[in-house]
Amino acid sequence: VWGDEPVSVGPPSQPDVRIVLEPPGADRGASPAER
């Protein structure tokens, strides 16, 4: 776990790679229909 705001994870062998985990449509200005 590389960060908690936003939550990000990645392989320990690649400390410079982040997979950010977030709810569908988060922080994208997505409408309810898009979500």
PDB file of all heavy atoms in Angstrom:
ATOM      1  N   VAL A   1       0.879  -1.169   0.000  1.00  0.00           N
ATOM      2  CA  VAL A   1       0.000   0.000   0.000  1.00  0.00           C
ATOM      3  C   VAL A   1       0.915   1.217   0.000  1.00  0.00           C
ATOM      4  O   VAL A   1       1.666   1.438   0.941  1.00  0.00           O
ATOM      5  CB  VAL A   1      -0.940   0.003   1.223  1.00  0.00           C
ATOM      6  CG1 VAL A   1      -1.802   1.251   1.227  1.00  0.00           C
ATOM      7  CG2 VAL A   1      -1.793  -1.254   1.251  1.00  0.00           C
ATOM      8  N   TRP A   2       0.854   1.988  -1.086  1.00  0.00           N
ATOM      9  CA  TRP A   2       1.758   3.126  -1.235  1.00  0.00           C
ATOM     10  C   TRP A   2       1.156   4.415  -0.693  1.00  0.00           C
ATOM     11  O   TRP A   2       1.881   5.332  -0.338  1.00  0.00           O
ATOM     12  CB  TRP A   2       2.136   3.327  -2.704  1.00  0.00           C
ATOM     13  CG  TRP A   2       2.874   2.186  -3.311  1.00  0.00           C
ATOM     14  CD1 TRP A   2       2.468   1.447  -4.379  1.00  0.00           C
ATOM     15  CD2 TRP A   2       4.134   1.646  -2.924  1.00  0.00           C
ATOM     16  NE1 TRP A   2       3.394   0.475  -4.680  1.00  0.00           N
ATOM     17  CE2 TRP A   2       4.435   0.578  -3.795  1.00  0.00           C
ATOM     18  CE3 TRP A   2       5.041   1.943  -1.931  1.00  0.00           C
ATOM     19  CZ2 TRP A   2       5.593  -0.174  -3.701  1.00  0.00           C
ATOM     20  CZ3 TRP A   2       6.208   1.191  -1.832  1.00  0.00           C
ATOM     21  CH2 TRP A   2       6.476   0.142  -2.710  1.00  0.00           C
ATOM     22  N   GLY A   3      -0.147   4.505  -0.669  1.00  0.00           N
ATOM     23  CA  GLY A   3      -0.755   5.730  -0.177  1.00  0.00           C
ATOM     24  C   GLY A   3      -2.181   5.486   0.260  1.00  0.00           C
ATOM     25  O   GLY A   3      -2.806   4.536  -0.179  1.00  0.00           O
ATOM     26  N   ASP A   4      -2.673   6.363   1.138  1.00  0.00           N
ATOM     27  CA  ASP A   4      -4.047   6.193   1.597  1.00  0.00           C
ATOM     28  C   ASP A   4      -4.948   7.348   1.193  1.00  0.00           C
ATOM     29  O   ASP A   4      -6.137   7.329   1.460  1.00  0.00           O
ATOM     30  CB  ASP A   4      -4.098   5.963   3.103  1.00  0.00           C
ATOM     31  CG  ASP A   4      -3.501   7.100   3.907  1.00  0.00           C
ATOM     32  OD1 ASP A   4      -3.020   8.083   3.309  1.00  0.00           O
ATOM     33  OD2 ASP A   4      -3.517   7.007   5.133  1.00  0.00           O
ATOM     34  N   GLU A   5      -4.449   8.352   0.523  1.00  0.00           N
ATOM     35  CA  GLU A   5      -5.279   9.461   0.045  1.00  0.00           C
ATOM     36  C   GLU A   5      -4.709   9.992  -1.256  1.00  0.00           C
ATOM     37  O   GLU A   5      -3.859  10.880  -1.239  1.00  0.00           O
ATOM     38  CB  GLU A   5      -5.326  10.553   1.107  1.00  0.00           C
ATOM     39  CG  GLU A   5      -6.416  11.554   0.937  1.00  0.00           C
ATOM     40  CD  GLU A   5      -7.821  10.990   0.835  1.00  0.00           C
ATOM     41  OE1 GLU A   5      -8.209  10.112   1.612  1.00  0.00           O
ATOM     42  OE2 GLU A   5      -8.533  11.450  -0.062  1.00  0.00           O
ATOM     43  N   PRO A   6      -5.041   9.461  -2.380  1.00  0.00           N
ATOM     44  CA  PRO A   6      -5.968   8.343  -2.586  1.00  0.00           C
ATOM     45  C   PRO A   6      -5.286   7.013  -2.275  1.00  0.00           C
ATOM     46  O   PRO A   6      -4.055   6.943  -2.208  1.00  0.00           O
ATOM     47  CB  PRO A   6      -6.301   8.428  -4.078  1.00  0.00           C
ATOM     48  CG  PRO A   6      -5.067   9.001  -4.693  1.00  0.00           C
ATOM     49  CD  PRO A   6      -4.511   9.965  -3.663  1.00  0.00           C
ATOM     50  N   VAL A   7      -6.099   5.978  -2.107  1.00  0.00           N
ATOM     51  CA  VAL A   7      -5.557   4.652  -1.827  1.00  0.00           C
ATOM     52  C   VAL A   7      -4.857   4.139  -3.085  1.00  0.00           C
ATOM     53  O   VAL A   7      -5.434   4.112  -4.167  1.00  0.00           O
ATOM     54  CB  VAL A   7      -6.670   3.675  -1.404  1.00  0.00           C
ATOM     55  CG1 VAL A   7      -6.125   2.265  -1.252  1.00  0.00           C
ATOM     56  CG2 VAL A   7      -7.307   4.133  -0.112  1.00  0.00           C
ATOM     57  N   SER A   8      -3.603   3.781  -2.938  1.00  0.00           N
ATOM     58  CA  SER A   8      -2.855   3.233  -4.068  1.00  0.00           C
ATOM     59  C   SER A   8      -2.028   2.046  -3.608  1.00  0.00           C
ATOM     60  O   SER A   8      -1.560   1.994  -2.469  1.00  0.00           O
ATOM     61  CB  SER A   8      -1.969   4.301  -4.717  1.00  0.00           C
ATOM     62  OG  SER A   8      -0.997   4.773  -3.817  1.00  0.00           O
ATOM     63  N   VAL A   9      -1.903   1.083  -4.506  1.00  0.00           N
ATOM     64  CA  VAL A   9      -1.161  -0.138  -4.242  1.00  0.00           C
ATOM     65  C   VAL A   9      -0.245  -0.398  -5.432  1.00  0.00           C
ATOM     66  O   VAL A   9      -0.401   0.201  -6.493  1.00  0.00           O
ATOM     67  CB  VAL A   9      -2.104  -1.346  -4.035  1.00  0.00           C
ATOM     68  CG1 VAL A   9      -2.984  -1.159  -2.816  1.00  0.00           C
ATOM     69  CG2 VAL A   9      -2.950  -1.602  -5.275  1.00  0.00           C
ATOM     70  N   GLY A  10       0.682  -1.315  -5.254  1.00  0.00           N
ATOM     71  CA  GLY A  10       1.548  -1.705  -6.354  1.00  0.00           C
ATOM     72  C   GLY A  10       2.473  -2.822  -5.948  1.00  0.00           C
ATOM     73  O   GLY A  10       2.628  -3.124  -4.757  1.00  0.00           O
ATOM     74  N   PRO A  11       3.069  -3.465  -6.940  1.00  0.00           N
ATOM     75  CA  PRO A  11       4.008  -4.554  -6.648  1.00  0.00           C
ATOM     76  C   PRO A  11       5.204  -4.028  -5.850  1.00  0.00           C
ATOM     77  O   PRO A  11       5.750  -2.969  -6.183  1.00  0.00           O
ATOM     78  CB  PRO A  11       4.460  -5.028  -8.032  1.00  0.00           C
ATOM     79  CG  PRO A  11       3.485  -4.448  -9.007  1.00  0.00           C
ATOM     80  CD  PRO A  11       2.942  -3.211  -8.374  1.00  0.00           C
ATOM     81  N   PRO A  12       5.606  -4.743  -4.812  1.00  0.00           N
ATOM     82  CA  PRO A  12       6.747  -4.279  -4.009  1.00  0.00           C
ATOM     83  C   PRO A  12       8.028  -4.135  -4.834  1.00  0.00           C
ATOM     84  O   PRO A  12       8.875  -3.315  -4.518  1.00  0.00           O
ATOM     85  CB  PRO A  12       6.916  -5.340  -2.923  1.00  0.00           C
ATOM     86  CG  PRO A  12       5.820  -6.308  -3.088  1.00  0.00           C
ATOM     87  CD  PRO A  12       5.038  -5.970  -4.303  1.00  0.00           C
ATOM     88  N   SER A  13       8.130  -4.917  -5.915  1.00  0.00           N
ATOM     89  CA  SER A  13       9.322  -4.857  -6.760  1.00  0.00           C
ATOM     90  C   SER A  13       9.320  -3.636  -7.680  1.00  0.00           C
ATOM     91  O   SER A  13      10.316  -3.365  -8.348  1.00  0.00           O
ATOM     92  CB  SER A  13       9.429  -6.126  -7.604  1.00  0.00           C
ATOM     93  OG  SER A  13       8.302  -6.227  -8.469  1.00  0.00           O
ATOM     94  N   GLN A  14       8.206  -2.888  -7.713  1.00  0.00           N
ATOM     95  CA  GLN A  14       8.108  -1.695  -8.550  1.00  0.00           C
ATOM     96  C   GLN A  14       7.561  -0.528  -7.726  1.00  0.00           C
ATOM     97  O   GLN A  14       6.429  -0.101  -7.903  1.00  0.00           O
ATOM     98  CB  GLN A  14       7.197  -1.961  -9.749  1.00  0.00           C
ATOM     99  CG  GLN A  14       7.753  -2.989 -10.700  1.00  0.00           C
ATOM    100  CD  GLN A  14       6.799  -3.236 -11.855  1.00  0.00           C
ATOM    101  OE1 GLN A  14       5.736  -3.808 -11.665  1.00  0.00           O
ATOM    102  NE2 GLN A  14       7.189  -2.789 -13.037  1.00  0.00           N
ATOM    103  N   PRO A  15       8.377   0.022  -6.819  1.00  0.00           N
ATOM    104  CA  PRO A  15       7.879   1.064  -5.921  1.00  0.00           C
ATOM    105  C   PRO A  15       7.456   2.350  -6.621  1.00  0.00           C
ATOM    106  O   PRO A  15       6.784   3.187  -6.016  1.00  0.00           O
ATOM    107  CB  PRO A  15       9.056   1.316  -4.974  1.00  0.00           C
ATOM    108  CG  PRO A  15      10.240   0.792  -5.686  1.00  0.00           C
ATOM    109  CD  PRO A  15       9.768  -0.311  -6.572  1.00  0.00           C
ATOM    110  N   ASP A  16       7.794   2.507  -7.891  1.00  0.00           N
ATOM    111  CA  ASP A  16       7.380   3.713  -8.605  1.00  0.00           C
ATOM    112  C   ASP A  16       6.100   3.519  -9.414  1.00  0.00           C
ATOM    113  O   ASP A  16       5.685   4.422 -10.134  1.00  0.00           O
ATOM    114  CB  ASP A  16       8.512   4.199  -9.511  1.00  0.00           C
ATOM    115  CG  ASP A  16       8.980   3.160 -10.501  1.00  0.00           C
ATOM    116  OD1 ASP A  16       8.691   1.963 -10.299  1.00  0.00           O
ATOM    117  OD2 ASP A  16       9.644   3.527 -11.489  1.00  0.00           O
ATOM    118  N   VAL A  17       5.441   2.357  -9.295  1.00  0.00           N
ATOM    119  CA  VAL A  17       4.190   2.086 -10.007  1.00  0.00           C
ATOM    120  C   VAL A  17       3.034   2.095  -9.016  1.00  0.00           C
ATOM    121  O   VAL A  17       3.087   1.440  -7.977  1.00  0.00           O
ATOM    122  CB  VAL A  17       4.252   0.725 -10.750  1.00  0.00           C
ATOM    123  CG1 VAL A  17       2.903   0.361 -11.329  1.00  0.00           C
ATOM    124  CG2 VAL A  17       5.311   0.775 -11.840  1.00  0.00           C
ATOM    125  N   ARG A  18       1.985   2.854  -9.329  1.00  0.00           N
ATOM    126  CA  ARG A  18       0.821   2.972  -8.459  1.00  0.00           C
ATOM    127  C   ARG A  18      -0.453   2.555  -9.189  1.00  0.00           C
ATOM    128  O   ARG A  18      -0.689   2.973 -10.325  1.00  0.00           O
ATOM    129  CB  ARG A  18       0.616   4.426  -8.026  1.00  0.00           C
ATOM    130  CG  ARG A  18       1.805   5.075  -7.344  1.00  0.00           C
ATOM    131  CD  ARG A  18       1.968   4.568  -5.929  1.00  0.00           C
ATOM    132  NE  ARG A  18       2.937   5.315  -5.163  1.00  0.00           N
ATOM    133  CZ  ARG A  18       4.233   5.043  -5.119  1.00  0.00           C
ATOM    134  NH1 ARG A  18       4.725   4.063  -5.831  1.00  0.00           N
ATOM    135  NH2 ARG A  18       5.047   5.746  -4.366  1.00  0.00           N
ATOM    136  N   ILE A  19      -1.265   1.750  -8.524  1.00  0.00           N
ATOM    137  CA  ILE A  19      -2.619   1.442  -8.980  1.00  0.00           C
ATOM    138  C   ILE A  19      -3.531   2.129  -7.976  1.00  0.00           C
ATOM    139  O   ILE A  19      -3.588   1.736  -6.807  1.00  0.00           O
ATOM    140  CB  ILE A  19      -2.883  -0.068  -9.020  1.00  0.00           C
ATOM    141  CG1 ILE A  19      -1.906  -0.758  -9.968  1.00  0.00           C
ATOM    142  CG2 ILE A  19      -4.330  -0.344  -9.439  1.00  0.00           C
ATOM    143  CD1 ILE A  19      -1.916  -2.280  -9.877  1.00  0.00           C
ATOM    144  N   VAL A  20      -4.206   3.179  -8.419  1.00  0.00           N
ATOM    145  CA  VAL A  20      -5.086   3.955  -7.546  1.00  0.00           C
ATOM    146  C   VAL A  20      -6.455   3.277  -7.534  1.00  0.00           C
ATOM    147  O   VAL A  20      -7.048   3.043  -8.588  1.00  0.00           O
ATOM    148  CB  VAL A  20      -5.206   5.413  -8.030  1.00  0.00           C
ATOM    149  CG1 VAL A  20      -6.148   6.202  -7.132  1.00  0.00           C
ATOM    150  CG2 VAL A  20      -3.828   6.079  -8.078  1.00  0.00           C
ATOM    151  N   LEU A  21      -6.943   2.949  -6.350  1.00  0.00           N
ATOM    152  CA  LEU A  21      -8.246   2.290  -6.177  1.00  0.00           C
ATOM    153  C   LEU A  21      -9.276   3.338  -5.790  1.00  0.00           C
ATOM    154  O   LEU A  21      -9.078   4.063  -4.809  1.00  0.00           O
ATOM    155  CB  LEU A  21      -8.150   1.218  -5.085  1.00  0.00           C
ATOM    156  CG  LEU A  21      -7.048   0.173  -5.242  1.00  0.00           C
ATOM    157  CD1 LEU A  21      -6.987  -0.732  -4.009  1.00  0.00           C
ATOM    158  CD2 LEU A  21      -7.244  -0.640  -6.508  1.00  0.00           C
ATOM    159  N   GLU A  22     -10.357   3.426  -6.571  1.00  0.00           N
ATOM    160  CA  GLU A  22     -11.374   4.422  -6.247  1.00  0.00           C
ATOM    161  C   GLU A  22     -12.745   3.959  -6.734  1.00  0.00           C
ATOM    162  O   GLU A  22     -12.844   3.121  -7.627  1.00  0.00           O
ATOM    163  CB  GLU A  22     -11.024   5.781  -6.837  1.00  0.00           C
ATOM    164  CG  GLU A  22     -11.053   5.844  -8.338  1.00  0.00           C
ATOM    165  CD  GLU A  22     -10.708   7.235  -8.866  1.00  0.00           C
ATOM    166  OE1 GLU A  22     -10.113   8.046  -8.135  1.00  0.00           O
ATOM    167  OE2 GLU A  22     -11.031   7.500 -10.021  1.00  0.00           O
ATOM    168  N   PRO A  23     -13.813   4.522  -6.153  1.00  0.00           N
ATOM    169  CA  PRO A  23     -15.172   4.160  -6.576  1.00  0.00           C
ATOM    170  C   PRO A  23     -15.407   4.525  -8.039  1.00  0.00           C
ATOM    171  O   PRO A  23     -14.777   5.448  -8.555  1.00  0.00           O
ATOM    172  CB  PRO A  23     -16.076   4.984  -5.662  1.00  0.00           C
ATOM    173  CG  PRO A  23     -15.214   5.412  -4.528  1.00  0.00           C
ATOM    174  CD  PRO A  23     -13.810   5.480  -5.049  1.00  0.00           C
ATOM    175  N   PRO A  24     -16.316   3.839  -8.705  1.00  0.00           N
ATOM    176  CA  PRO A  24     -16.616   4.140 -10.104  1.00  0.00           C
ATOM    177  C   PRO A  24     -17.058   5.597 -10.289  1.00  0.00           C
ATOM    178  O   PRO A  24     -17.909   6.092  -9.566  1.00  0.00           O
ATOM    179  CB  PRO A  24     -17.783   3.203 -10.441  1.00  0.00           C
ATOM    180  CG  PRO A  24     -17.708   2.124  -9.423  1.00  0.00           C
ATOM    181  CD  PRO A  24     -17.124   2.742  -8.195  1.00  0.00           C
ATOM    182  N   GLY A  25     -16.426   6.277 -11.227  1.00  0.00           N
ATOM    183  CA  GLY A  25     -16.803   7.653 -11.532  1.00  0.00           C
ATOM    184  C   GLY A  25     -16.340   8.690 -10.535  1.00  0.00           C
ATOM    185  O   GLY A  25     -16.740   9.837 -10.618  1.00  0.00           O
ATOM    186  N   ALA A  26     -15.489   8.319  -9.587  1.00  0.00           N
ATOM    187  CA  ALA A  26     -15.032   9.265  -8.562  1.00  0.00           C
ATOM    188  C   ALA A  26     -14.214  10.398  -9.177  1.00  0.00           C
ATOM    189  O   ALA A  26     -13.393  10.185 -10.057  1.00  0.00           O
ATOM    190  CB  ALA A  26     -14.192   8.531  -7.517  1.00  0.00           C
ATOM    191  N   ASP A  27     -14.464  11.620  -8.698  1.00  0.00           N
ATOM    192  CA  ASP A  27     -13.684  12.806  -9.084  1.00  0.00           C
ATOM    193  C   ASP A  27     -13.572  13.007 -10.590  1.00  0.00           C
ATOM    194  O   ASP A  27     -12.589  13.518 -11.071  1.00  0.00           O
ATOM    195  CB  ASP A  27     -12.281  12.743  -8.474  1.00  0.00           C
ATOM    196  CG  ASP A  27     -12.330  12.739  -6.970  1.00  0.00           C
ATOM    197  OD1 ASP A  27     -13.216  13.402  -6.410  1.00  0.00           O
ATOM    198  OD2 ASP A  27     -11.497  12.064  -6.356  1.00  0.00           O
ATOM    199  N   ARG A  28     -14.578  12.591 -11.317  1.00  0.00           N
ATOM    200  CA  ARG A  28     -14.534  12.795 -12.764  1.00  0.00           C
ATOM    201  C   ARG A  28     -15.707  13.636 -13.242  1.00  0.00           C
ATOM    202  O   ARG A  28     -15.898  13.777 -14.438  1.00  0.00           O
ATOM    203  CB  ARG A  28     -14.554  11.448 -13.484  1.00  0.00           C
ATOM    204  CG  ARG A  28     -13.344  10.617 -13.210  1.00  0.00           C
ATOM    205  CD  ARG A  28     -13.362   9.383 -14.069  1.00  0.00           C
ATOM    206  NE  ARG A  28     -12.289   8.504 -13.631  1.00  0.00           N
ATOM    207  CZ  ARG A  28     -12.370   7.204 -13.575  1.00  0.00           C
ATOM    208  NH1 ARG A  28     -13.461   6.589 -13.945  1.00  0.00           N
ATOM    209  NH2 ARG A  28     -11.357   6.481 -13.177  1.00  0.00           N
ATOM    210  N   GLY A  29     -16.494  14.142 -12.330  1.00  0.00           N
ATOM    211  CA  GLY A  29     -17.668  14.892 -12.718  1.00  0.00           C
ATOM    212  C   GLY A  29     -18.687  14.030 -13.435  1.00  0.00           C
ATOM    213  O   GLY A  29     -19.472  14.511 -14.247  1.00  0.00           O
ATOM    214  N   ALA A  30     -18.657  12.743 -13.138  1.00  0.00           N
ATOM    215  CA  ALA A  30     -19.558  11.792 -13.800  1.00  0.00           C
ATOM    216  C   ALA A  30     -20.988  11.969 -13.293  1.00  0.00           C
ATOM    217  O   ALA A  30     -21.208  12.140 -12.097  1.00  0.00           O
ATOM    218  CB  ALA A  30     -19.088  10.363 -13.555  1.00  0.00           C
ATOM    219  N   SER A  31     -21.922  11.918 -14.213  1.00  0.00           N
ATOM    220  CA  SER A  31     -23.334  11.999 -13.855  1.00  0.00           C
ATOM    221  C   SER A  31     -23.787  10.665 -13.268  1.00  0.00           C
ATOM    222  O   SER A  31     -23.100   9.653 -13.424  1.00  0.00           O
ATOM    223  CB  SER A  31     -24.167  12.316 -15.095  1.00  0.00           C
ATOM    224  OG  SER A  31     -24.181  11.192 -15.967  1.00  0.00           O
ATOM    225  N   PRO A  32     -24.938  10.622 -12.622  1.00  0.00           N
ATOM    226  CA  PRO A  32     -25.464   9.342 -12.132  1.00  0.00           C
ATOM    227  C   PRO A  32     -25.620   8.316 -13.250  1.00  0.00           C
ATOM    228  O   PRO A  32     -25.339   7.131 -13.056  1.00  0.00           O
ATOM    229  CB  PRO A  32     -26.816   9.719 -11.517  1.00  0.00           C
ATOM    230  CG  PRO A  32     -26.631  11.137 -11.077  1.00  0.00           C
ATOM    231  CD  PRO A  32     -25.752  11.754 -12.141  1.00  0.00           C
ATOM    232  N   ALA A  33     -26.036   8.744 -14.424  1.00  0.00           N
ATOM    233  CA  ALA A  33     -26.184   7.819 -15.556  1.00  0.00           C
ATOM    234  C   ALA A  33     -24.827   7.268 -15.982  1.00  0.00           C
ATOM    235  O   ALA A  33     -24.693   6.072 -16.305  1.00  0.00           O
ATOM    236  CB  ALA A  33     -26.859   8.510 -16.725  1.00  0.00           C
ATOM    237  N   GLU A  34     -23.805   8.105 -15.961  1.00  0.00           N
ATOM    238  CA  GLU A  34     -22.459   7.658 -16.331  1.00  0.00           C
ATOM    239  C   GLU A  34     -21.915   6.688 -15.281  1.00  0.00           C
ATOM    240  O   GLU A  34     -21.292   5.678 -15.619  1.00  0.00           O
ATOM    241  CB  GLU A  34     -21.540   8.860 -16.502  1.00  0.00           C
ATOM    242  CG  GLU A  34     -21.901   9.683 -17.721  1.00  0.00           C
ATOM    243  CD  GLU A  34     -21.260  11.048 -17.746  1.00  0.00           C
ATOM    244  OE1 GLU A  34     -20.990  11.622 -16.652  1.00  0.00           O
ATOM    245  OE2 GLU A  34     -21.048  11.564 -18.855  1.00  0.00           O
ATOM    246  N   ARG A  35     -22.160   6.990 -14.019  1.00  0.00           N
ATOM    247  CA  ARG A  35     -21.717   6.070 -12.957  1.00  0.00           C
ATOM    248  C   ARG A  35     -22.412   4.721 -13.100  1.00  0.00           C
ATOM    249  O   ARG A  35     -21.808   3.675 -12.920  1.00  0.00           O
ATOM    250  CB  ARG A  35     -21.985   6.682 -11.591  1.00  0.00           C
ATOM    251  CG  ARG A  35     -20.998   7.750 -11.227  1.00  0.00           C
ATOM    252  CD  ARG A  35     -21.128   8.161  -9.758  1.00  0.00           C
ATOM    253  NE  ARG A  35     -20.103   9.133  -9.447  1.00  0.00           N
ATOM    254  CZ  ARG A  35     -20.294  10.443  -9.451  1.00  0.00           C
ATOM    255  NH1 ARG A  35     -21.472  10.942  -9.736  1.00  0.00           N
ATOM    256  NH2 ARG A  35     -19.304  11.268  -9.169  1.00  0.00           N
TER     257      ARG A  35
END
